C-alpha atoms as a PDB file:
ATOM      1  CA  MET A   1      13.638 -29.258  50.057  1.00  0.00           C
ATOM      2  CA  LYS A   2      11.032 -26.959  48.564  1.00  0.00           C
ATOM      3  CA  ASP A   3      11.961 -24.193  51.013  1.00  0.00           C
ATOM      4  CA  LEU A   4      15.595 -24.733  50.168  1.00  0.00           C
ATOM      5  CA  PHE A   5      15.172 -24.119  46.425  1.00  0.00           C
ATOM      6  CA  SER A   6      12.496 -21.389  46.718  1.00  0.00           C
ATOM      7  CA  PRO A   7      15.029 -18.497  46.785  1.00  0.00           C
ATOM      8  CA  LEU A   8      16.798 -20.008  43.764  1.00  0.00           C
ATOM      9  CA  PHE A   9      13.546 -20.296  41.793  1.00  0.00           C
ATOM     10  CA  GLY A  10      12.588 -16.766  42.791  1.00  0.00           C
ATOM     11  CA  MET A  11      15.943 -15.450  41.590  1.00  0.00           C
ATOM     12  CA  ILE A  12      15.645 -17.307  38.262  1.00  0.00           C
ATOM     13  CA  HIS A  13      12.102 -15.958  37.790  1.00  0.00           C
ATOM     14  CA  GLU A  14      13.236 -12.411  38.551  1.00  0.00           C
ATOM     15  CA  TYR A  15      16.125 -12.585  36.057  1.00  0.00           C
ATOM     16  CA  TRP A  16      13.845 -14.207  33.459  1.00  0.00           C
ATOM     17  CA  THR A  17      11.221 -11.454  33.671  1.00  0.00           C
ATOM     18  CA  ALA A  18      13.944  -8.795  33.673  1.00  0.00           C
ATOM     19  CA  GLY A  19      15.393 -10.311  30.497  1.00  0.00           C
ATOM     20  CA  ILE A  20      11.968 -10.281  28.822  1.00  0.00           C
ATOM     21  CA  GLU A  21      11.467  -6.638  29.766  1.00  0.00           C
ATOM     22  CA  ILE A  22      14.888  -5.672  28.390  1.00  0.00           C
ATOM     23  CA  LEU A  23      14.146  -7.518  25.168  1.00  0.00           C
ATOM     24  CA  ILE A  24      10.759  -5.803  24.728  1.00  0.00           C
ATOM     25  CA  VAL A  25      12.076  -2.316  25.512  1.00  0.00           C
ATOM     26  CA  SER A  26      15.096  -2.823  23.220  1.00  0.00           C
ATOM     27  CA  SER A  27      12.837  -3.960  20.378  1.00  0.00           C
ATOM     28  CA  ILE A  28      10.571  -0.955  20.828  1.00  0.00           C
ATOM     29  CA  LEU A  29      13.476   1.494  20.874  1.00  0.00           C
ATOM     30  CA  TYR A  30      15.072  -0.189  17.846  1.00  0.00           C
ATOM     31  CA  TYR A  31      11.906   0.025  15.730  1.00  0.00           C
ATOM     32  CA  ILE A  32      11.319   3.617  16.857  1.00  0.00           C
ATOM     33  CA  TYR A  33      14.852   4.407  15.676  1.00  0.00           C
ATOM     34  CA  LEU A  34      14.231   2.673  12.322  1.00  0.00           C
ATOM     35  CA  TYR A  35      11.017   4.585  11.838  1.00  0.00           C
ATOM     36  CA  LEU A  36      12.393   7.991  12.834  1.00  0.00           C
ATOM     37  CA  ARG A  37      15.817   7.856  11.204  1.00  0.00           C
ATOM     38  CA  GLY A  38      16.062  10.141   8.226  1.00  0.00           C
ATOM     39  CA  THR A  39      13.279  12.413   9.500  1.00  0.00           C
ATOM     40  CA  HIS A  40      13.722  16.063  10.344  1.00  0.00           C
ATOM     41  CA  GLY A  41      13.297  15.452  14.091  1.00  0.00           C
ATOM     42  CA  ALA A  42      15.741  12.553  14.362  1.00  0.00           C
ATOM     43  CA  ARG A  43      18.734  14.773  15.124  1.00  0.00           C
ATOM     44  CA  ILE A  44      16.715  16.706  17.686  1.00  0.00           C
ATOM     45  CA  LEU A  45      15.743  13.442  19.428  1.00  0.00           C
ATOM     46  CA  ILE A  46      19.347  12.233  19.514  1.00  0.00           C
ATOM     47  CA  GLY A  47      20.566  15.545  20.885  1.00  0.00           C
ATOM     48  CA  VAL A  48      17.902  15.745  23.588  1.00  0.00           C
ATOM     49  CA  ALA A  49      18.460  12.085  24.547  1.00  0.00           C
ATOM     50  CA  LEU A  50      22.204  12.586  24.859  1.00  0.00           C
ATOM     51  CA  VAL A  51      21.839  15.717  27.021  1.00  0.00           C
ATOM     52  CA  PHE A  52      19.204  14.095  29.256  1.00  0.00           C
ATOM     53  CA  LEU A  53      21.196  10.865  29.729  1.00  0.00           C
ATOM     54  CA  THR A  54      24.436  12.771  30.384  1.00  0.00           C
ATOM     55  CA  LEU A  55      22.881  15.002  33.029  1.00  0.00           C
ATOM     56  CA  SER A  56      21.144  12.012  34.642  1.00  0.00           C
ATOM     57  CA  PHE A  57      24.447  10.122  34.822  1.00  0.00           C
ATOM     58  CA  ILE A  58      26.252  13.093  36.333  1.00  0.00           C
ATOM     59  CA  SER A  59      23.510  13.640  38.927  1.00  0.00           C
ATOM     60  CA  GLN A  60      23.636   9.966  39.952  1.00  0.00           C
ATOM     61  CA  VAL A  61      27.461   9.749  40.148  1.00  0.00           C
ATOM     62  CA  LEU A  62      27.964  13.042  41.997  1.00  0.00           C
ATOM     63  CA  ASP A  63      24.743  12.701  43.990  1.00  0.00           C
ATOM     64  CA  LEU A  64      23.422  16.068  42.835  1.00  0.00           C
ATOM     65  CA  GLU A  65      19.952  16.101  44.355  1.00  0.00           C
ATOM     66  CA  VAL A  66      18.836  19.446  42.926  1.00  0.00           C
ATOM     67  CA  LEU A  67      19.853  18.483  39.380  1.00  0.00           C
ATOM     68  CA  GLY A  68      18.132  15.115  39.766  1.00  0.00           C
ATOM     69  CA  TRP A  69      14.948  16.812  40.975  1.00  0.00           C
ATOM     70  CA  LEU A  70      15.037  19.254  38.043  1.00  0.00           C
ATOM     71  CA  LEU A  71      15.464  16.420  35.546  1.00  0.00           C
ATOM     72  CA  LYS A  72      12.513  14.510  37.017  1.00  0.00           C
ATOM     73  CA  SER A  73      10.384  17.660  37.032  1.00  0.00           C
ATOM     74  CA  PHE A  74      11.187  18.560  33.442  1.00  0.00           C
ATOM     75  CA  SER A  75      10.799  15.012  32.123  1.00  0.00           C
ATOM     76  CA  VAL A  76       7.034  15.525  31.770  1.00  0.00           C
ATOM     77  CA  PHE A  77       7.512  18.739  29.783  1.00  0.00           C
ATOM     78  CA  LEU A  78      10.190  16.983  27.736  1.00  0.00           C
ATOM     79  CA  ALA A  79       7.742  14.224  26.804  1.00  0.00           C
ATOM     80  CA  ILE A  80       5.159  16.809  25.701  1.00  0.00           C
ATOM     81  CA  ALA A  81       7.834  18.646  23.692  1.00  0.00           C
ATOM     82  CA  LEU A  82       8.798  15.428  21.896  1.00  0.00           C
ATOM     83  CA  VAL A  83       5.182  14.797  20.997  1.00  0.00           C
ATOM     84  CA  VAL A  84       4.960  18.281  19.491  1.00  0.00           C
ATOM     85  CA  ILE A  85       8.253  17.874  17.617  1.00  0.00           C
ATOM     86  CA  PHE A  86       7.346  14.476  16.186  1.00  0.00           C
ATOM     87  CA  GLN A  87       3.689  15.265  15.556  1.00  0.00           C
ATOM     88  CA  PRO A  88       3.921  14.623  11.756  1.00  0.00           C
ATOM     89  CA  GLU A  89       5.720  11.307  12.281  1.00  0.00           C
ATOM     90  CA  LEU A  90       3.294  10.164  14.986  1.00  0.00           C
ATOM     91  CA  ARG A  91       0.282  11.090  12.865  1.00  0.00           C
ATOM     92  CA  ARG A  92       1.705   9.164   9.913  1.00  0.00           C
ATOM     93  CA  ALA A  93       2.422   6.122  12.090  1.00  0.00           C
ATOM     94  CA  LEU A  94      -1.093   6.114  13.545  1.00  0.00           C
ATOM     95  CA  ASN A  95      -2.561   6.606  10.090  1.00  0.00           C
ATOM     96  CA  GLU A  96      -0.616   3.588   8.775  1.00  0.00           C
ATOM     97  CA  LEU A  97      -1.764   1.533  11.766  1.00  0.00           C
ATOM     98  CA  GLY A  98      -5.377   2.525  11.129  1.00  0.00           C
ATOM     99  CA  SER A  99      -5.027   1.722   7.469  1.00  0.00           C
ATOM    100  CA  HIS A 100      -3.837  -1.801   8.139  1.00  0.00           C
ATOM    101  CA  ARG A 101      -6.090  -4.509   6.800  1.00  0.00           C
ATOM    102  CA  PHE A 102      -6.844  -5.740  10.321  1.00  0.00           C
ATOM    103  CA  PHE A 103      -8.344  -2.370  11.268  1.00  0.00           C
ATOM    104  CA  THR A 104      -9.806  -1.421   7.906  1.00  0.00           C
ATOM    105  CA  THR A 105     -13.576  -1.795   7.787  1.00  0.00           C
ATOM    106  CA  ALA A 106     -15.498  -3.088   4.814  1.00  0.00           C
ATOM    107  CA  LEU A 107     -17.170   0.334   4.575  1.00  0.00           C
ATOM    108  CA  GLN A 108     -13.791   2.057   4.148  1.00  0.00           C
ATOM    109  CA  ARG A 109     -12.790  -0.423   1.466  1.00  0.00           C
ATOM    110  CA  ARG A 110     -16.060   0.138  -0.408  1.00  0.00           C
ATOM    111  CA  GLU A 111     -15.420   3.874  -0.271  1.00  0.00           C
ATOM    112  CA  ALA A 112     -11.971   3.255  -1.736  1.00  0.00           C
ATOM    113  CA  VAL A 113     -13.526   1.246  -4.579  1.00  0.00           C
ATOM    114  CA  GLU A 114     -15.979   4.051  -5.326  1.00  0.00           C
ATOM    115  CA  GLU A 115     -13.168   6.623  -5.356  1.00  0.00           C
ATOM    116  CA  LEU A 116     -11.047   4.489  -7.649  1.00  0.00           C
ATOM    117  CA  THR A 117     -14.002   3.929  -9.985  1.00  0.00           C
ATOM    118  CA  ASP A 118     -14.718   7.643 -10.129  1.00  0.00           C
ATOM    119  CA  ALA A 119     -11.069   8.423 -10.880  1.00  0.00           C
ATOM    120  CA  MET A 120     -10.688   5.803 -13.578  1.00  0.00           C
ATOM    121  CA  PHE A 121     -13.745   6.831 -15.555  1.00  0.00           C
ATOM    122  CA  ASP A 122     -12.922  10.525 -15.137  1.00  0.00           C
ATOM    123  CA  LEU A 123      -9.556   9.751 -16.755  1.00  0.00           C
ATOM    124  CA  SER A 124     -11.339   7.809 -19.469  1.00  0.00           C
ATOM    125  CA  SER A 125     -13.791  10.627 -20.216  1.00  0.00           C
ATOM    126  CA  LYS A 126     -10.926  13.123 -20.583  1.00  0.00           C
ATOM    127  CA  GLY A 127      -8.992  10.799 -22.905  1.00  0.00           C
ATOM    128  CA  PHE A 128      -6.046  10.360 -20.487  1.00  0.00           C
ATOM    129  CA  GLY A 129      -4.210   7.062 -20.607  1.00  0.00           C
ATOM    130  CA  ALA A 130      -3.444   5.604 -17.174  1.00  0.00           C
ATOM    131  CA  LEU A 131      -1.630   2.681 -15.534  1.00  0.00           C
ATOM    132  CA  ILE A 132      -2.226   2.222 -11.803  1.00  0.00           C
ATOM    133  CA  ALA A 133      -0.980  -0.682  -9.653  1.00  0.00           C
ATOM    134  CA  LEU A 134      -2.713  -1.426  -6.317  1.00  0.00           C
ATOM    135  CA  GLU A 135      -0.210  -3.081  -4.018  1.00  0.00           C
ATOM    136  CA  ARG A 136      -1.392  -6.018  -1.906  1.00  0.00           C
ATOM    137  CA  ASP A 137       0.704  -8.604  -0.017  1.00  0.00           C
ATOM    138  CA  VAL A 138       3.644  -8.719  -2.420  1.00  0.00           C
ATOM    139  CA  SER A 139       5.790  -5.563  -2.138  1.00  0.00           C
ATOM    140  CA  LEU A 140       6.243  -3.439  -5.244  1.00  0.00           C
ATOM    141  CA  LYS A 141       9.187  -1.515  -3.792  1.00  0.00           C
ATOM    142  CA  SER A 142      11.578  -2.626  -6.560  1.00  0.00           C
ATOM    143  CA  PHE A 143       9.200  -1.179  -9.153  1.00  0.00           C
ATOM    144  CA  SER A 144       8.527   2.020  -7.215  1.00  0.00           C
ATOM    145  CA  GLU A 145      12.262   2.675  -7.101  1.00  0.00           C
ATOM    146  CA  SER A 146      12.244   2.849 -10.903  1.00  0.00           C
ATOM    147  CA  GLY A 147      10.004   5.926 -10.763  1.00  0.00           C
ATOM    148  CA  ILE A 148       9.669   9.153  -8.817  1.00  0.00           C
ATOM    149  CA  THR A 149       8.799   8.919  -5.107  1.00  0.00           C
ATOM    150  CA  LEU A 150       5.690  10.899  -4.186  1.00  0.00           C
ATOM    151  CA  ASP A 151       4.229   9.494  -0.931  1.00  0.00           C
ATOM    152  CA  ALA A 152       1.109  11.602  -1.385  1.00  0.00           C
ATOM    153  CA  GLU A 153      -2.461  11.076  -0.283  1.00  0.00           C
ATOM    154  CA  PHE A 154      -4.565   9.411  -2.969  1.00  0.00           C
ATOM    155  CA  SER A 155      -6.993  11.640  -4.796  1.00  0.00           C
ATOM    156  CA  LYS A 156      -8.665  11.838  -8.182  1.00  0.00           C
ATOM    157  CA  GLU A 157      -7.145  15.270  -8.785  1.00  0.00           C
ATOM    158  CA  LEU A 158      -3.639  13.909  -8.222  1.00  0.00           C
ATOM    159  CA  LEU A 159      -4.173  11.116 -10.764  1.00  0.00           C
ATOM    160  CA  LEU A 160      -5.578  13.557 -13.315  1.00  0.00           C
ATOM    161  CA  THR A 161      -2.486  15.724 -12.876  1.00  0.00           C
ATOM    162  CA  ILE A 162      -0.042  12.839 -13.154  1.00  0.00           C
ATOM    163  CA  PHE A 163      -1.637  11.326 -16.263  1.00  0.00           C
ATOM    164  CA  HIS A 164      -2.224  14.576 -18.098  1.00  0.00           C
ATOM    165  CA  PRO A 165      -0.583  14.125 -21.537  1.00  0.00           C
ATOM    166  CA  LYS A 166       1.621  17.178 -21.079  1.00  0.00           C
ATOM    167  CA  THR A 167       3.184  16.082 -17.797  1.00  0.00           C
ATOM    168  CA  VAL A 168       6.531  14.291 -17.539  1.00  0.00           C
ATOM    169  CA  LEU A 169       5.201  11.312 -15.575  1.00  0.00           C
ATOM    170  CA  HIS A 170       2.161  10.460 -17.679  1.00  0.00           C
ATOM    171  CA  ASP A 171       3.833   7.632 -19.597  1.00  0.00           C
ATOM    172  CA  GLY A 172       4.835   5.615 -16.519  1.00  0.00           C
ATOM    173  CA  GLY A 173       2.864   3.661 -13.989  1.00  0.00           C
ATOM    174  CA  VAL A 174       1.578   4.756 -10.586  1.00  0.00           C
ATOM    175  CA  ILE A 175       1.831   2.569  -7.485  1.00  0.00           C
ATOM    176  CA  VAL A 176      -0.822   2.939  -4.776  1.00  0.00           C
ATOM    177  CA  GLN A 177      -0.175   1.515  -1.329  1.00  0.00           C
ATOM    178  CA  GLY A 178      -3.174   1.703   0.990  1.00  0.00           C
ATOM    179  CA  GLU A 179      -4.379   5.284   0.770  1.00  0.00           C
ATOM    180  CA  ARG A 180      -1.059   6.657  -0.458  1.00  0.00           C
ATOM    181  CA  VAL A 181       0.330   7.188  -3.945  1.00  0.00           C
ATOM    182  CA  VAL A 182       3.914   6.092  -3.262  1.00  0.00           C
ATOM    183  CA  ALA A 183       5.471   6.614  -6.709  1.00  0.00           C
ATOM    184  CA  ALA A 184       4.749   7.698 -10.272  1.00  0.00           C
ATOM    185  CA  GLY A 185       6.495   7.279 -13.583  1.00  0.00           C
ATOM    186  CA  CYS A 186       7.363   3.682 -12.678  1.00  0.00           C
ATOM    187  CA  ILE A 187       8.497   1.072 -15.180  1.00  0.00           C
ATOM    188  CA  PHE A 188       6.498  -2.172 -15.126  1.00  0.00           C
ATOM    189  CA  PRO A 189       7.650  -5.405 -16.777  1.00  0.00           C
ATOM    190  CA  LEU A 190       6.007  -6.249 -20.083  1.00  0.00           C
ATOM    191  CA  THR A 191       4.312  -9.624 -20.416  1.00  0.00           C
ATOM    192  CA  GLN A 192       6.195 -12.083 -22.599  1.00  0.00           C
ATOM    193  CA  ARG A 193       3.062 -13.797 -23.889  1.00  0.00           C
ATOM    194  CA  ASP A 194       2.846 -13.994 -27.663  1.00  0.00           C
ATOM    195  CA  ASP A 195      -0.784 -15.120 -27.958  1.00  0.00           C
ATOM    196  CA  LEU A 196      -2.360 -11.724 -27.175  1.00  0.00           C
ATOM    197  CA  ASP A 197      -4.466  -9.624 -29.447  1.00  0.00           C
ATOM    198  CA  ARG A 198      -2.299  -7.206 -31.435  1.00  0.00           C
ATOM    199  CA  THR A 199      -4.590  -4.330 -30.441  1.00  0.00           C
ATOM    200  CA  ILE A 200      -3.260  -4.560 -26.898  1.00  0.00           C
ATOM    201  CA  GLY A 201      -0.822  -1.657 -26.332  1.00  0.00           C
ATOM    202  CA  LEU A 202       2.175  -1.247 -24.056  1.00  0.00           C
ATOM    203  CA  ARG A 203       0.128  -0.034 -21.085  1.00  0.00           C
ATOM    204  CA  HIS A 204      -1.979  -3.189 -21.129  1.00  0.00           C
ATOM    205  CA  ARG A 205       1.072  -5.404 -21.634  1.00  0.00           C
ATOM    206  CA  ALA A 206       2.821  -3.687 -18.722  1.00  0.00           C
ATOM    207  CA  GLY A 207      -0.232  -4.089 -16.495  1.00  0.00           C
ATOM    208  CA  LEU A 208      -0.534  -7.738 -17.433  1.00  0.00           C
ATOM    209  CA  GLY A 209       3.198  -8.286 -16.898  1.00  0.00           C
ATOM    210  CA  LEU A 210       3.104  -6.794 -13.379  1.00  0.00           C
ATOM    211  CA  SER A 211       0.055  -8.906 -12.469  1.00  0.00           C
ATOM    212  CA  GLU A 212       2.016 -12.002 -13.561  1.00  0.00           C
ATOM    213  CA  GLU A 213       4.920 -11.179 -11.262  1.00  0.00           C
ATOM    214  CA  SER A 214       2.947 -10.067  -8.212  1.00  0.00           C
ATOM    215  CA  ASP A 215      -0.490 -10.258  -6.590  1.00  0.00           C
ATOM    216  CA  SER A 216      -1.200  -6.616  -7.385  1.00  0.00           C
ATOM    217  CA  ILE A 217      -4.304  -5.388  -9.183  1.00  0.00           C
ATOM    218  CA  VAL A 218      -3.416  -3.149 -12.118  1.00  0.00           C
ATOM    219  CA  LEU A 219      -5.952  -0.701 -13.564  1.00  0.00           C
ATOM    220  CA  VAL A 220      -5.493   0.482 -17.137  1.00  0.00           C
ATOM    221  CA  VAL A 221      -7.128   3.250 -19.158  1.00  0.00           C
ATOM    222  CA  SER A 222      -6.510   3.218 -22.914  1.00  0.00           C
ATOM    223  CA  GLU A 223      -5.452   6.599 -24.247  1.00  0.00           C
ATOM    224  CA  GLU A 224      -6.720   5.713 -27.753  1.00  0.00           C
ATOM    225  CA  SER A 225     -10.137   4.221 -26.997  1.00  0.00           C
ATOM    226  CA  GLY A 226     -10.771   5.224 -23.375  1.00  0.00           C
ATOM    227  CA  GLN A 227     -11.475   1.595 -22.447  1.00  0.00           C
ATOM    228  CA  VAL A 228     -10.995   0.697 -18.790  1.00  0.00           C
ATOM    229  CA  SER A 229      -9.378  -2.634 -17.948  1.00  0.00           C
ATOM    230  CA  ILE A 230      -8.365  -4.650 -14.903  1.00  0.00           C
ATOM    231  CA  CYS A 231      -5.293  -6.906 -14.782  1.00  0.00           C
ATOM    232  CA  HIS A 232      -4.848  -9.482 -12.038  1.00  0.00           C
ATOM    233  CA  SER A 233      -3.197 -12.911 -11.667  1.00  0.00           C
ATOM    234  CA  GLY A 234      -2.134 -12.926 -15.305  1.00  0.00           C
ATOM    235  CA  VAL A 235      -5.685 -12.077 -16.489  1.00  0.00           C
ATOM    236  CA  ILE A 236      -6.745  -8.933 -18.316  1.00  0.00           C
ATOM    237  CA  GLU A 237     -10.441  -7.981 -18.442  1.00  0.00           C
ATOM    238  CA  ARG A 238     -11.101  -5.180 -20.916  1.00  0.00           C
ATOM    239  CA  ASN A 239     -13.775  -2.692 -21.891  1.00  0.00           C
ATOM    240  CA  LEU A 240     -15.629  -2.618 -18.556  1.00  0.00           C
ATOM    241  CA  ASN A 241     -18.336  -0.062 -17.953  1.00  0.00           C
ATOM    242  CA  VAL A 242     -18.780   1.745 -14.609  1.00  0.00           C
ATOM    243  CA  GLU A 243     -21.070  -0.770 -12.992  1.00  0.00           C
ATOM    244  CA  ARG A 244     -19.103  -3.843 -14.024  1.00  0.00           C
ATOM    245  CA  PHE A 245     -15.762  -2.244 -13.176  1.00  0.00           C
ATOM    246  CA  SER A 246     -16.945  -1.336  -9.686  1.00  0.00           C
ATOM    247  CA  LYS A 247     -18.402  -4.795  -9.106  1.00  0.00           C
ATOM    248  CA  ARG A 248     -15.279  -6.577 -10.317  1.00  0.00           C
ATOM    249  CA  LEU A 249     -12.914  -4.361  -8.330  1.00  0.00           C
ATOM    250  CA  SER A 250     -15.049  -4.868  -5.231  1.00  0.00           C
ATOM    251  CA  GLN A 251     -14.847  -8.611  -5.705  1.00  0.00           C
ATOM    252  CA  LEU A 252     -11.059  -8.481  -6.003  1.00  0.00           C
ATOM    253  CA  LEU A 253     -10.352  -5.991  -3.210  1.00  0.00           C
ATOM    254  CA  LEU A 254     -12.994  -6.719  -0.589  1.00  0.00           C
ATOM    255  CA  ALA A 255     -12.589 -10.511  -0.756  1.00  0.00           C
ATOM    256  CA  GLU A 256     -15.704 -11.141   1.281  1.00  0.00           C
ATOM    257  CA  GLU A 257     -15.558 -14.831   2.146  1.00  0.00           C
ATOM    258  CA  ASN A 258     -19.267 -15.273   2.472  1.00  0.00           C
ATOM    259  CA  HIS A 259     -20.107 -13.752  -0.889  1.00  0.00           C
ATOM    260  CA  ALA A 260     -17.005 -14.177  -3.058  1.00  0.00           C
ATOM    261  CA  THR A 261     -18.148 -17.388  -4.738  1.00  0.00           C
ATOM    262  CA  ASP A 262     -21.710 -16.173  -5.300  1.00  0.00           C
ATOM    263  CA  SER A 263     -20.492 -12.818  -6.627  1.00  0.00           C
ATOM    264  CA  ALA A 264     -18.051 -14.471  -9.002  1.00  0.00           C
ATOM    265  CA  THR A 265     -20.710 -16.853 -10.314  1.00  0.00           C
ATOM    266  CA  GLN A 266     -23.258 -14.063 -10.723  1.00  0.00           C
ATOM    267  CA  LEU A 267     -20.710 -11.805 -12.470  1.00  0.00           C
ATOM    268  CA  GLU A 268     -19.699 -14.623 -14.846  1.00  0.00           C
ATOM    269  CA  GLY A 269     -23.317 -15.190 -15.741  1.00  0.00           C
ATOM    270  CA  GLU A 270     -23.970 -11.509 -16.362  1.00  0.00           C
ATOM    271  CA  THR A 271     -20.820 -10.485 -18.227  1.00  0.00           C
ATOM    272  CA  GLY A 272     -19.078 -13.616 -19.336  1.00  0.00           C
ATOM    273  CA  LEU A 273     -16.186 -12.909 -16.956  1.00  0.00           C
ATOM    274  CA  PRO A 274     -14.529 -15.966 -15.413  1.00  0.00           C
ATOM    275  CA  ALA A 275     -13.974 -15.829 -11.674  1.00  0.00           C
ATOM    276  CA  GLY A 276     -10.278 -15.344 -12.327  1.00  0.00           C
ATOM    277  CA  GLY A 277      -7.206 -17.485 -12.835  1.00  0.00           C
ATOM    278  CA  HIS A 278      -8.358 -19.073 -16.123  1.00  0.00           C
ATOM    279  CA  GLY A 279      -5.769 -17.535 -18.402  1.00  0.00           C
ATOM    280  CA  SER A 280      -5.460 -14.192 -20.108  1.00  0.00           C
ATOM    281  CA  LEU A 281      -8.560 -12.740 -21.681  1.00  0.00           C
ATOM    282  CA  VAL A 282      -8.894  -9.896 -24.136  1.00  0.00           C
ATOM    283  CA  SER A 283     -11.747  -8.252 -25.966  1.00  0.00           C
ATOM    284  CA  HIS A 284     -11.955  -6.428 -29.256  1.00  0.00           C
ATOM    285  CA  SER A 285     -12.999  -2.823 -29.622  1.00  0.00           C
ATOM    286  CA  PRO A 286     -16.694  -2.022 -29.167  1.00  0.00           C
ATOM    287  CA  LYS A 287     -17.159  -1.520 -32.906  1.00  0.00           C
ATOM    288  CA  SER A 288     -15.996  -4.972 -33.961  1.00  0.00           C
ATOM    289  CA  GLY A 289     -16.416  -7.082 -30.849  1.00  0.00           C
ATOM    290  CA  PRO A 290     -18.965  -8.097 -28.254  1.00  0.00           C
ATOM    291  CA  ALA A 291     -20.873  -5.779 -25.974  1.00  0.00           C
ATOM    292  CA  SER A 292     -19.153  -3.716 -23.343  1.00  0.00           C
ATOM    293  CA  GLY A 293     -17.590  -5.809 -20.632  1.00  0.00           C
ATOM    294  CA  ALA A 294     -17.774  -9.085 -22.531  1.00  0.00           C
ATOM    295  CA  GLN A 295     -14.567 -11.095 -22.778  1.00  0.00           C
ATOM    296  CA  VAL A 296     -13.295 -13.426 -25.451  1.00  0.00           C
ATOM    297  CA  PRO A 297     -10.317 -15.812 -25.239  1.00  0.00           C
ATOM    298  CA  ALA A 298      -6.910 -14.568 -26.340  1.00  0.00           C
ATOM    299  CA  ARG A 299      -6.039 -15.359 -29.946  1.00  0.00           C
ATOM    300  CA  LYS A 300      -3.666 -18.292 -30.206  1.00  0.00           C
ATOM    301  CA  LYS A 301      -1.216 -19.069 -32.935  1.00  0.00           C
ATOM    302  CA  PRO A 302      -2.253 -21.794 -35.380  1.00  0.00           C
END
């Protein structure tokens, strides 16, 4: 009985593995098409593929051995040519893969925190107002579409240019995705809370509003006072100095499981900052309020 059904089982197994292979190859080709469509080399790829498939079909149908041999011989050179043609797209794809959270090391993330800290306080020292959203798990595509698409590598010089008071984009928000500045001049939703300090301007209200609607971290530099603030999870922490800003941003971005609780407790003891998620917090200006980095509860209506 076993010998009788062995050919049948072998045939089923062969068809099953063939189906899996077809599914995998189709998925790969489909996602390659989605990634490459709209690029400069997409038309070249389609043209080359059509010519190669047409000649291969003709050589098989008419049994043209010389043409078949030529196609096989030139297939290696064709592959190299495609790599050269799509070099920018391949480099971008590998860069995005390497920038994924699974492959990003803690050292790289710490370097990103240092670069962000340097940029924020350079903006503050020059008196430039700024509004920067760091995208995390929740996509900010709908907000980036309200601005101007950049897709540029993140740098302090780029932020200084964008937020210079005489540029067109300086009034809007910037969205940072990984190591790329994806858009500038974006419109963020204003918070609808009515229990905030009246000294909080539109930039802070926009940063707070975006943090209420997403899991993004929004960095704000006040154009009037130069204060640097962080908005996250419906919380705004104002008037942070360099050390406290870097520590707080590290705590939010790095999310080190072994040290998150200890860092939050230590930071709360040093600066009066809650670990997050305890409601909106605001501080007064340095002249009339507590020391730099200290937080006081939002004013509530009587």
